[in-house]
């Protein structure tokens, strides 16, 4: 991952198929995302809810920008916008 990359944070659960799909897409792009497990890390679910207003996983951030969930991530990828977002400086 580029040093100037804004960083990617994914709130997830290990049992979630959508989370696994999002992880695979990010990995295919060479993104080394940080993952916060909302089931295992105390306070992670509350933090996610406070930041996004959403209860479902995954919830994905690129830098401080909330991308949304798996569907939004794939929509951004299909439009080509995800690559641009991932190249923005931190």
PDB file of N, CA and C in Angstrom:
ATOM      1  N   UNK A   1       0.850  -1.183   0.000  1.00  0.00           N
ATOM      2  CA  UNK A   1       0.000   0.000   0.000  1.00  0.00           C
ATOM      3  C   UNK A   1       0.887   1.235   0.000  1.00  0.00           C
ATOM      4  N   UNK A   2       0.470   2.226  -0.698  1.00  0.00           N
ATOM      5  CA  UNK A   2       1.196   3.483  -0.818  1.00  0.00           C
ATOM      6  C   UNK A   2       1.278   4.151   0.553  1.00  0.00           C
ATOM      7  N   UNK A   3       2.424   4.684   0.916  1.00  0.00           N
ATOM      8  CA  UNK A   3       2.611   5.344   2.211  1.00  0.00           C
ATOM      9  C   UNK A   3       1.693   6.549   2.391  1.00  0.00           C
ATOM     10  N   UNK A   4       1.331   7.213   1.291  1.00  0.00           N
ATOM     11  CA  UNK A   4       0.468   8.388   1.377  1.00  0.00           C
ATOM     12  C   UNK A   4      -1.013   8.002   1.428  1.00  0.00           C
ATOM     13  N   UNK A   5      -1.276   6.727   1.320  1.00  0.00           N
ATOM     14  CA  UNK A   5      -2.651   6.237   1.304  1.00  0.00           C
ATOM     15  C   UNK A   5      -3.370   6.640   2.587  1.00  0.00           C
ATOM     16  N   UNK A   6      -4.651   7.033   2.466  1.00  0.00           N
ATOM     17  CA  UNK A   6      -5.368   7.504   3.645  1.00  0.00           C
ATOM     18  C   UNK A   6      -5.699   6.415   4.659  1.00  0.00           C
ATOM     19  N   UNK A   7      -5.538   5.173   4.305  1.00  0.00           N
ATOM     20  CA  UNK A   7      -5.840   4.087   5.221  1.00  0.00           C
ATOM     21  C   UNK A   7      -7.297   3.666   5.126  1.00  0.00           C
ATOM     22  N   UNK A   8      -7.518   2.393   5.293  1.00  0.00           N
ATOM     23  CA  UNK A   8      -8.859   1.827   5.212  1.00  0.00           C
ATOM     24  C   UNK A   8      -9.153   1.118   6.523  1.00  0.00           C
ATOM     25  N   UNK A   9     -10.325   1.397   7.061  1.00  0.00           N
ATOM     26  CA  UNK A   9     -10.798   0.768   8.289  1.00  0.00           C
ATOM     27  C   UNK A   9     -12.120   0.090   7.993  1.00  0.00           C
ATOM     28  N   UNK A  10     -12.232  -1.180   8.410  1.00  0.00           N
ATOM     29  CA  UNK A  10     -13.453  -1.938   8.179  1.00  0.00           C
ATOM     30  C   UNK A  10     -13.953  -2.483   9.511  1.00  0.00           C
ATOM     31  N   UNK A  11     -15.161  -2.099   9.874  1.00  0.00           N
ATOM     32  CA  UNK A  11     -15.844  -2.723  11.010  1.00  0.00           C
ATOM     33  C   UNK A  11     -16.501  -3.972  10.460  1.00  0.00           C
ATOM     34  N   UNK A  12     -16.275  -5.119  11.109  1.00  0.00           N
ATOM     35  CA  UNK A  12     -16.737  -6.382  10.548  1.00  0.00           C
ATOM     36  C   UNK A  12     -17.083  -7.385  11.642  1.00  0.00           C
ATOM     37  N   UNK A  13     -17.617  -8.514  11.199  1.00  0.00           N
ATOM     38  CA  UNK A  13     -17.816  -9.697  12.045  1.00  0.00           C
ATOM     39  C   UNK A  13     -17.234 -10.889  11.298  1.00  0.00           C
ATOM     40  N   UNK A  14     -16.657 -11.827  12.009  1.00  0.00           N
ATOM     41  CA  UNK A  14     -16.041 -12.988  11.366  1.00  0.00           C
ATOM     42  C   UNK A  14     -17.043 -13.873  10.638  1.00  0.00           C
ATOM     43  N   UNK A  15     -18.289 -13.888  11.072  1.00  0.00           N
ATOM     44  CA  UNK A  15     -19.312 -14.750  10.477  1.00  0.00           C
ATOM     45  C   UNK A  15     -19.963 -14.142   9.242  1.00  0.00           C
ATOM     46  N   UNK A  16     -19.665 -12.900   8.914  1.00  0.00           N
ATOM     47  CA  UNK A  16     -20.383 -12.131   7.895  1.00  0.00           C
ATOM     48  C   UNK A  16     -19.824 -12.378   6.490  1.00  0.00           C
ATOM     49  N   UNK A  17     -20.661 -12.915   5.607  1.00  0.00           N
ATOM     50  CA  UNK A  17     -20.255 -13.160   4.230  1.00  0.00           C
ATOM     51  C   UNK A  17     -19.975 -11.878   3.456  1.00  0.00           C
ATOM     52  N   UNK A  18     -20.754 -10.826   3.715  1.00  0.00           N
ATOM     53  CA  UNK A  18     -20.513  -9.538   3.055  1.00  0.00           C
ATOM     54  C   UNK A  18     -19.169  -8.958   3.472  1.00  0.00           C
ATOM     55  N   UNK A  19     -18.818  -9.165   4.729  1.00  0.00           N
ATOM     56  CA  UNK A  19     -17.513  -8.700   5.221  1.00  0.00           C
ATOM     57  C   UNK A  19     -16.385  -9.416   4.489  1.00  0.00           C
ATOM     58  N   UNK A  20     -16.555 -10.728   4.283  1.00  0.00           N
ATOM     59  CA  UNK A  20     -15.546 -11.515   3.576  1.00  0.00           C
ATOM     60  C   UNK A  20     -15.412 -11.036   2.131  1.00  0.00           C
ATOM     61  N   UNK A  21     -16.531 -10.722   1.480  1.00  0.00           N
ATOM     62  CA  UNK A  21     -16.496 -10.215   0.101  1.00  0.00           C
ATOM     63  C   UNK A  21     -15.756  -8.883   0.040  1.00  0.00           C
ATOM     64  N   UNK A  22     -16.055  -7.998   0.975  1.00  0.00           N
ATOM     65  CA  UNK A  22     -15.390  -6.692   1.008  1.00  0.00           C
ATOM     66  C   UNK A  22     -13.890  -6.868   1.227  1.00  0.00           C
ATOM     67  N   UNK A  23     -13.524  -7.757   2.145  1.00  0.00           N
ATOM     68  CA  UNK A  23     -12.105  -8.017   2.420  1.00  0.00           C
ATOM     69  C   UNK A  23     -11.397  -8.503   1.164  1.00  0.00           C
ATOM     70  N   UNK A  24     -12.023  -9.443   0.453  1.00  0.00           N
ATOM     71  CA  UNK A  24     -11.400  -9.989  -0.765  1.00  0.00           C
ATOM     72  C   UNK A  24     -11.207  -8.904  -1.824  1.00  0.00           C
ATOM     73  N   UNK A  25     -12.199  -8.025  -1.983  1.00  0.00           N
ATOM     74  CA  UNK A  25     -12.056  -6.948  -2.968  1.00  0.00           C
ATOM     75  C   UNK A  25     -10.909  -6.015  -2.588  1.00  0.00           C
ATOM     76  N   UNK A  26     -10.857  -5.623  -1.339  1.00  0.00           N
ATOM     77  CA  UNK A  26      -9.779  -4.731  -0.894  1.00  0.00           C
ATOM     78  C   UNK A  26      -8.417  -5.400  -1.056  1.00  0.00           C
ATOM     79  N   UNK A  27      -8.316  -6.673  -0.688  1.00  0.00           N
ATOM     80  CA  UNK A  27      -7.047  -7.397  -0.845  1.00  0.00           C
ATOM     81  C   UNK A  27      -6.647  -7.495  -2.311  1.00  0.00           C
ATOM     82  N   UNK A  28      -7.638  -7.683  -3.207  1.00  0.00           N
ATOM     83  CA  UNK A  28      -7.330  -7.783  -4.640  1.00  0.00           C
ATOM     84  C   UNK A  28      -6.746  -6.479  -5.183  1.00  0.00           C
ATOM     85  N   UNK A  29      -7.010  -5.379  -4.500  1.00  0.00           N
ATOM     86  CA  UNK A  29      -6.483  -4.076  -4.879  1.00  0.00           C
ATOM     87  C   UNK A  29      -5.199  -3.739  -4.124  1.00  0.00           C
ATOM     88  N   UNK A  30      -4.706  -4.669  -3.318  1.00  0.00           N
ATOM     89  CA  UNK A  30      -3.471  -4.452  -2.587  1.00  0.00           C
ATOM     90  C   UNK A  30      -3.631  -3.577  -1.362  1.00  0.00           C
ATOM     91  N   UNK A  31      -4.858  -3.406  -0.892  1.00  0.00           N
ATOM     92  CA  UNK A  31      -5.126  -2.556   0.266  1.00  0.00           C
ATOM     93  C   UNK A  31      -4.939  -3.369   1.542  1.00  0.00           C
ATOM     94  N   UNK A  32      -4.131  -2.853   2.441  1.00  0.00           N
ATOM     95  CA  UNK A  32      -3.936  -3.473   3.745  1.00  0.00           C
ATOM     96  C   UNK A  32      -4.821  -2.740   4.748  1.00  0.00           C
ATOM     97  N   UNK A  33      -6.071  -3.168   4.819  1.00  0.00           N
ATOM     98  CA  UNK A  33      -7.040  -2.514   5.687  1.00  0.00           C
ATOM     99  C   UNK A  33      -6.851  -2.952   7.132  1.00  0.00           C
ATOM    100  N   UNK A  34      -7.282  -2.062   8.040  1.00  0.00           N
ATOM    101  CA  UNK A  34      -7.384  -2.428   9.460  1.00  0.00           C
ATOM    102  C   UNK A  34      -8.806  -2.914   9.682  1.00  0.00           C
ATOM    103  N   UNK A  35      -8.954  -3.956  10.481  1.00  0.00           N
ATOM    104  CA  UNK A  35     -10.262  -4.542  10.738  1.00  0.00           C
ATOM    105  C   UNK A  35     -10.573  -4.486  12.221  1.00  0.00           C
ATOM    106  N   UNK A  36     -11.793  -4.034  12.543  1.00  0.00           N
ATOM    107  CA  UNK A  36     -12.276  -4.007  13.921  1.00  0.00           C
ATOM    108  C   UNK A  36     -13.458  -4.955  14.005  1.00  0.00           C
ATOM    109  N   UNK A  37     -13.331  -6.005  14.794  1.00  0.00           N
ATOM    110  CA  UNK A  37     -14.389  -7.002  14.950  1.00  0.00           C
ATOM    111  C   UNK A  37     -15.410  -6.506  15.966  1.00  0.00           C
ATOM    112  N   UNK A  38     -16.625  -6.218  15.504  1.00  0.00           N
ATOM    113  CA  UNK A  38     -17.646  -5.641  16.384  1.00  0.00           C
ATOM    114  C   UNK A  38     -18.193  -6.649  17.389  1.00  0.00           C
ATOM    115  N   UNK A  39     -17.924  -7.932  17.183  1.00  0.00           N
ATOM    116  CA  UNK A  39     -18.365  -8.961  18.126  1.00  0.00           C
ATOM    117  C   UNK A  39     -17.320  -9.262  19.193  1.00  0.00           C
ATOM    118  N   UNK A  40     -16.068  -9.051  18.869  1.00  0.00           N
ATOM    119  CA  UNK A  40     -14.993  -9.459  19.769  1.00  0.00           C
ATOM    120  C   UNK A  40     -14.307  -8.291  20.483  1.00  0.00           C
ATOM    121  N   UNK A  41     -14.332  -7.097  19.909  1.00  0.00           N
ATOM    122  CA  UNK A  41     -13.642  -5.949  20.494  1.00  0.00           C
ATOM    123  C   UNK A  41     -14.634  -5.094  21.276  1.00  0.00           C
ATOM    124  N   UNK A  42     -14.448  -5.017  22.587  1.00  0.00           N
ATOM    125  CA  UNK A  42     -15.362  -4.203  23.398  1.00  0.00           C
ATOM    126  C   UNK A  42     -15.431  -2.758  22.889  1.00  0.00           C
ATOM    127  N   UNK A  43     -16.642  -2.276  22.707  1.00  0.00           N
ATOM    128  CA  UNK A  43     -16.849  -0.898  22.280  1.00  0.00           C
ATOM    129  C   UNK A  43     -16.825  -0.677  20.783  1.00  0.00           C
ATOM    130  N   UNK A  44     -16.376  -1.663  20.000  1.00  0.00           N
ATOM    131  CA  UNK A  44     -16.255  -1.462  18.554  1.00  0.00           C
ATOM    132  C   UNK A  44     -17.623  -1.255  17.902  1.00  0.00           C
ATOM    133  N   UNK A  45     -18.632  -2.031  18.310  1.00  0.00           N
ATOM    134  CA  UNK A  45     -19.962  -1.878  17.720  1.00  0.00           C
ATOM    135  C   UNK A  45     -20.546  -0.499  18.053  1.00  0.00           C
ATOM    136  N   UNK A  46     -20.400  -0.068  19.308  1.00  0.00           N
ATOM    137  CA  UNK A  46     -20.898   1.246  19.707  1.00  0.00           C
ATOM    138  C   UNK A  46     -20.181   2.357  18.939  1.00  0.00           C
ATOM    139  N   UNK A  47     -18.873   2.207  18.756  1.00  0.00           N
ATOM    140  CA  UNK A  47     -18.094   3.189  17.996  1.00  0.00           C
ATOM    141  C   UNK A  47     -18.595   3.261  16.555  1.00  0.00           C
ATOM    142  N   UNK A  48     -18.819   2.087  15.938  1.00  0.00           N
ATOM    143  CA  UNK A  48     -19.312   2.027  14.568  1.00  0.00           C
ATOM    144  C   UNK A  48     -20.675   2.706  14.459  1.00  0.00           C
ATOM    145  N   UNK A  49     -21.555   2.414  15.389  1.00  0.00           N
ATOM    146  CA  UNK A  49     -22.890   2.998  15.382  1.00  0.00           C
ATOM    147  C   UNK A  49     -22.825   4.518  15.523  1.00  0.00           C
ATOM    148  N   UNK A  50     -21.959   4.986  16.398  1.00  0.00           N
ATOM    149  CA  UNK A  50     -21.806   6.426  16.595  1.00  0.00           C
ATOM    150  C   UNK A  50     -21.276   7.114  15.339  1.00  0.00           C
ATOM    151  N   UNK A  51     -20.317   6.476  14.663  1.00  0.00           N
ATOM    152  CA  UNK A  51     -19.698   7.075  13.480  1.00  0.00           C
ATOM    153  C   UNK A  51     -20.590   7.018  12.237  1.00  0.00           C
ATOM    154  N   UNK A  52     -21.396   5.965  12.131  1.00  0.00           N
ATOM    155  CA  UNK A  52     -22.132   5.732  10.888  1.00  0.00           C
ATOM    156  C   UNK A  52     -23.647   5.827  11.027  1.00  0.00           C
ATOM    157  N   UNK A  53     -24.166   5.620  12.241  1.00  0.00           N
ATOM    158  CA  UNK A  53     -25.609   5.530  12.420  1.00  0.00           C
ATOM    159  C   UNK A  53     -26.167   4.213  11.919  1.00  0.00           C
ATOM    160  N   UNK A  54     -25.302   3.281  11.574  1.00  0.00           N
ATOM    161  CA  UNK A  54     -25.707   1.975  11.033  1.00  0.00           C
ATOM    162  C   UNK A  54     -25.307   0.860  11.987  1.00  0.00           C
ATOM    163  N   UNK A  55     -26.117  -0.198  11.987  1.00  0.00           N
ATOM    164  CA  UNK A  55     -25.855  -1.361  12.840  1.00  0.00           C
ATOM    165  C   UNK A  55     -25.282  -2.547  12.079  1.00  0.00           C
ATOM    166  N   UNK A  56     -25.347  -2.507  10.755  1.00  0.00           N
ATOM    167  CA  UNK A  56     -24.927  -3.651   9.950  1.00  0.00           C
ATOM    168  C   UNK A  56     -23.447  -3.569   9.602  1.00  0.00           C
ATOM    169  N   UNK A  57     -22.857  -4.725   9.368  1.00  0.00           N
ATOM    170  CA  UNK A  57     -21.466  -4.825   8.937  1.00  0.00           C
ATOM    171  C   UNK A  57     -21.433  -5.422   7.537  1.00  0.00           C
ATOM    172  N   UNK A  58     -20.393  -5.096   6.788  1.00  0.00           N
ATOM    173  CA  UNK A  58     -19.287  -4.220   7.148  1.00  0.00           C
ATOM    174  C   UNK A  58     -19.664  -2.751   7.029  1.00  0.00           C
ATOM    175  N   UNK A  59     -18.899  -1.935   7.717  1.00  0.00           N
ATOM    176  CA  UNK A  59     -18.919  -0.482   7.533  1.00  0.00           C
ATOM    177  C   UNK A  59     -17.482  -0.092   7.232  1.00  0.00           C
ATOM    178  N   UNK A  60     -17.294   0.568   6.114  1.00  0.00           N
ATOM    179  CA  UNK A  60     -15.962   0.780   5.560  1.00  0.00           C
ATOM    180  C   UNK A  60     -15.643   2.273   5.484  1.00  0.00           C
ATOM    181  N   UNK A  61     -14.443   2.608   5.924  1.00  0.00           N
ATOM    182  CA  UNK A  61     -13.938   3.972   5.853  1.00  0.00           C
ATOM    183  C   UNK A  61     -12.643   3.983   5.053  1.00  0.00           C
ATOM    184  N   UNK A  62     -12.505   5.000   4.211  1.00  0.00           N
ATOM    185  CA  UNK A  62     -11.228   5.287   3.556  1.00  0.00           C
ATOM    186  C   UNK A  62     -10.825   6.649   4.095  1.00  0.00           C
ATOM    187  N   UNK A  63      -9.776   6.661   4.901  1.00  0.00           N
ATOM    188  CA  UNK A  63      -9.438   7.872   5.628  1.00  0.00           C
ATOM    189  C   UNK A  63     -10.604   8.192   6.549  1.00  0.00           C
ATOM    190  N   UNK A  64     -11.062   9.422   6.528  1.00  0.00           N
ATOM    191  CA  UNK A  64     -12.210   9.798   7.361  1.00  0.00           C
ATOM    192  C   UNK A  64     -13.530   9.682   6.600  1.00  0.00           C
ATOM    193  N   UNK A  65     -13.453   9.266   5.342  1.00  0.00           N
ATOM    194  CA  UNK A  65     -14.649   9.164   4.491  1.00  0.00           C
ATOM    195  C   UNK A  65     -15.350   7.830   4.708  1.00  0.00           C
ATOM    196  N   UNK A  66     -16.625   7.885   5.082  1.00  0.00           N
ATOM    197  CA  UNK A  66     -17.431   6.668   5.239  1.00  0.00           C
ATOM    198  C   UNK A  66     -17.912   6.229   3.865  1.00  0.00           C
ATOM    199  N   UNK A  67     -17.474   5.054   3.440  1.00  0.00           N
ATOM    200  CA  UNK A  67     -17.852   4.514   2.140  1.00  0.00           C
ATOM    201  C   UNK A  67     -19.228   3.866   2.222  1.00  0.00           C
ATOM    202  N   UNK A  68     -19.507   3.208   3.346  1.00  0.00           N
ATOM    203  CA  UNK A  68     -20.752   2.463   3.510  1.00  0.00           C
ATOM    204  C   UNK A  68     -20.434   1.000   3.709  1.00  0.00           C
ATOM    205  N   UNK A  69     -21.305   0.157   3.184  1.00  0.00           N
ATOM    206  CA  UNK A  69     -21.150  -1.281   3.338  1.00  0.00           C
ATOM    207  C   UNK A  69     -20.602  -1.942   2.084  1.00  0.00           C
ATOM    208  N   UNK A  70     -20.797  -3.244   2.018  1.00  0.00           N
ATOM    209  CA  UNK A  70     -20.272  -4.046   0.912  1.00  0.00           C
ATOM    210  C   UNK A  70     -20.863  -3.606  -0.429  1.00  0.00           C
ATOM    211  N   UNK A  71     -22.176  -3.408  -0.477  1.00  0.00           N
ATOM    212  CA  UNK A  71     -22.805  -3.019  -1.743  1.00  0.00           C
ATOM    213  C   UNK A  71     -22.236  -1.699  -2.256  1.00  0.00           C
ATOM    214  N   UNK A  72     -22.089  -0.721  -1.368  1.00  0.00           N
ATOM    215  CA  UNK A  72     -21.535   0.571  -1.779  1.00  0.00           C
ATOM    216  C   UNK A  72     -20.090   0.429  -2.252  1.00  0.00           C
ATOM    217  N   UNK A  73     -19.316  -0.413  -1.570  1.00  0.00           N
ATOM    218  CA  UNK A  73     -17.927  -0.653  -1.964  1.00  0.00           C
ATOM    219  C   UNK A  73     -17.868  -1.214  -3.377  1.00  0.00           C
ATOM    220  N   UNK A  74     -18.711  -2.198  -3.675  1.00  0.00           N
ATOM    221  CA  UNK A  74     -18.708  -2.807  -5.002  1.00  0.00           C
ATOM    222  C   UNK A  74     -19.228  -1.844  -6.061  1.00  0.00           C
ATOM    223  N   UNK A  75     -20.209  -1.005  -5.723  1.00  0.00           N
ATOM    224  CA  UNK A  75     -20.687   0.009  -6.665  1.00  0.00           C
ATOM    225  C   UNK A  75     -19.574   0.986  -7.012  1.00  0.00           C
ATOM    226  N   UNK A  76     -18.819   1.422  -5.997  1.00  0.00           N
ATOM    227  CA  UNK A  76     -17.692   2.316  -6.252  1.00  0.00           C
ATOM    228  C   UNK A  76     -16.649   1.644  -7.134  1.00  0.00           C
ATOM    229  N   UNK A  77     -16.418   0.359  -6.916  1.00  0.00           N
ATOM    230  CA  UNK A  77     -15.441  -0.365  -7.720  1.00  0.00           C
ATOM    231  C   UNK A  77     -15.915  -0.470  -9.168  1.00  0.00           C
ATOM    232  N   UNK A  78     -17.175  -0.799  -9.362  1.00  0.00           N
ATOM    233  CA  UNK A  78     -17.700  -0.947 -10.725  1.00  0.00           C
ATOM    234  C   UNK A  78     -17.671   0.357 -11.494  1.00  0.00           C
ATOM    235  N   UNK A  79     -17.844   1.473 -10.813  1.00  0.00           N
ATOM    236  CA  UNK A  79     -17.825   2.780 -11.480  1.00  0.00           C
ATOM    237  C   UNK A  79     -16.408   3.299 -11.706  1.00  0.00           C
ATOM    238  N   UNK A  80     -15.415   2.652 -11.085  1.00  0.00           N
ATOM    239  CA  UNK A  80     -14.032   3.120 -11.183  1.00  0.00           C
ATOM    240  C   UNK A  80     -13.679   4.146 -10.111  1.00  0.00           C
ATOM    241  N   UNK A  81     -14.658   4.584  -9.361  1.00  0.00           N
ATOM    242  CA  UNK A  81     -14.457   5.607  -8.337  1.00  0.00           C
ATOM    243  C   UNK A  81     -13.599   5.094  -7.174  1.00  0.00           C
ATOM    244  N   UNK A  82     -13.708   3.805  -6.858  1.00  0.00           N
ATOM    245  CA  UNK A  82     -12.953   3.264  -5.722  1.00  0.00           C
ATOM    246  C   UNK A  82     -11.455   3.436  -5.937  1.00  0.00           C
ATOM    247  N   UNK A  83     -10.979   3.143  -7.124  1.00  0.00           N
ATOM    248  CA  UNK A  83      -9.546   3.295  -7.387  1.00  0.00           C
ATOM    249  C   UNK A  83      -9.095   4.733  -7.167  1.00  0.00           C
ATOM    250  N   UNK A  84      -9.935   5.696  -7.604  1.00  0.00           N
ATOM    251  CA  UNK A  84      -9.587   7.096  -7.411  1.00  0.00           C
ATOM    252  C   UNK A  84      -9.535   7.438  -5.923  1.00  0.00           C
ATOM    253  N   UNK A  85     -10.531   6.990  -5.171  1.00  0.00           N
ATOM    254  CA  UNK A  85     -10.577   7.255  -3.746  1.00  0.00           C
ATOM    255  C   UNK A  85      -9.369   6.661  -3.038  1.00  0.00           C
ATOM    256  N   UNK A  86      -8.994   5.463  -3.430  1.00  0.00           N
ATOM    257  CA  UNK A  86      -7.860   4.787  -2.797  1.00  0.00           C
ATOM    258  C   UNK A  86      -6.524   5.469  -3.106  1.00  0.00           C
ATOM    259  N   UNK A  87      -6.477   6.262  -4.180  1.00  0.00           N
ATOM    260  CA  UNK A  87      -5.247   6.949  -4.569  1.00  0.00           C
ATOM    261  C   UNK A  87      -5.141   8.346  -3.967  1.00  0.00           C
ATOM    262  N   UNK A  88      -6.223   8.819  -3.337  1.00  0.00           N
ATOM    263  CA  UNK A  88      -6.181  10.159  -2.731  1.00  0.00           C
ATOM    264  C   UNK A  88      -5.145  10.180  -1.599  1.00  0.00           C
ATOM    265  N   UNK A  89      -4.415  11.282  -1.482  1.00  0.00           N
ATOM    266  CA  UNK A  89      -3.435  11.373  -0.393  1.00  0.00           C
ATOM    267  C   UNK A  89      -4.118  11.440   0.966  1.00  0.00           C
ATOM    268  N   UNK A  90      -3.379  11.056   1.973  1.00  0.00           N
ATOM    269  CA  UNK A  90      -3.905  11.069   3.340  1.00  0.00           C
ATOM    270  C   UNK A  90      -4.190  12.470   3.798  1.00  0.00           C
TER     271      UNK A  90
END
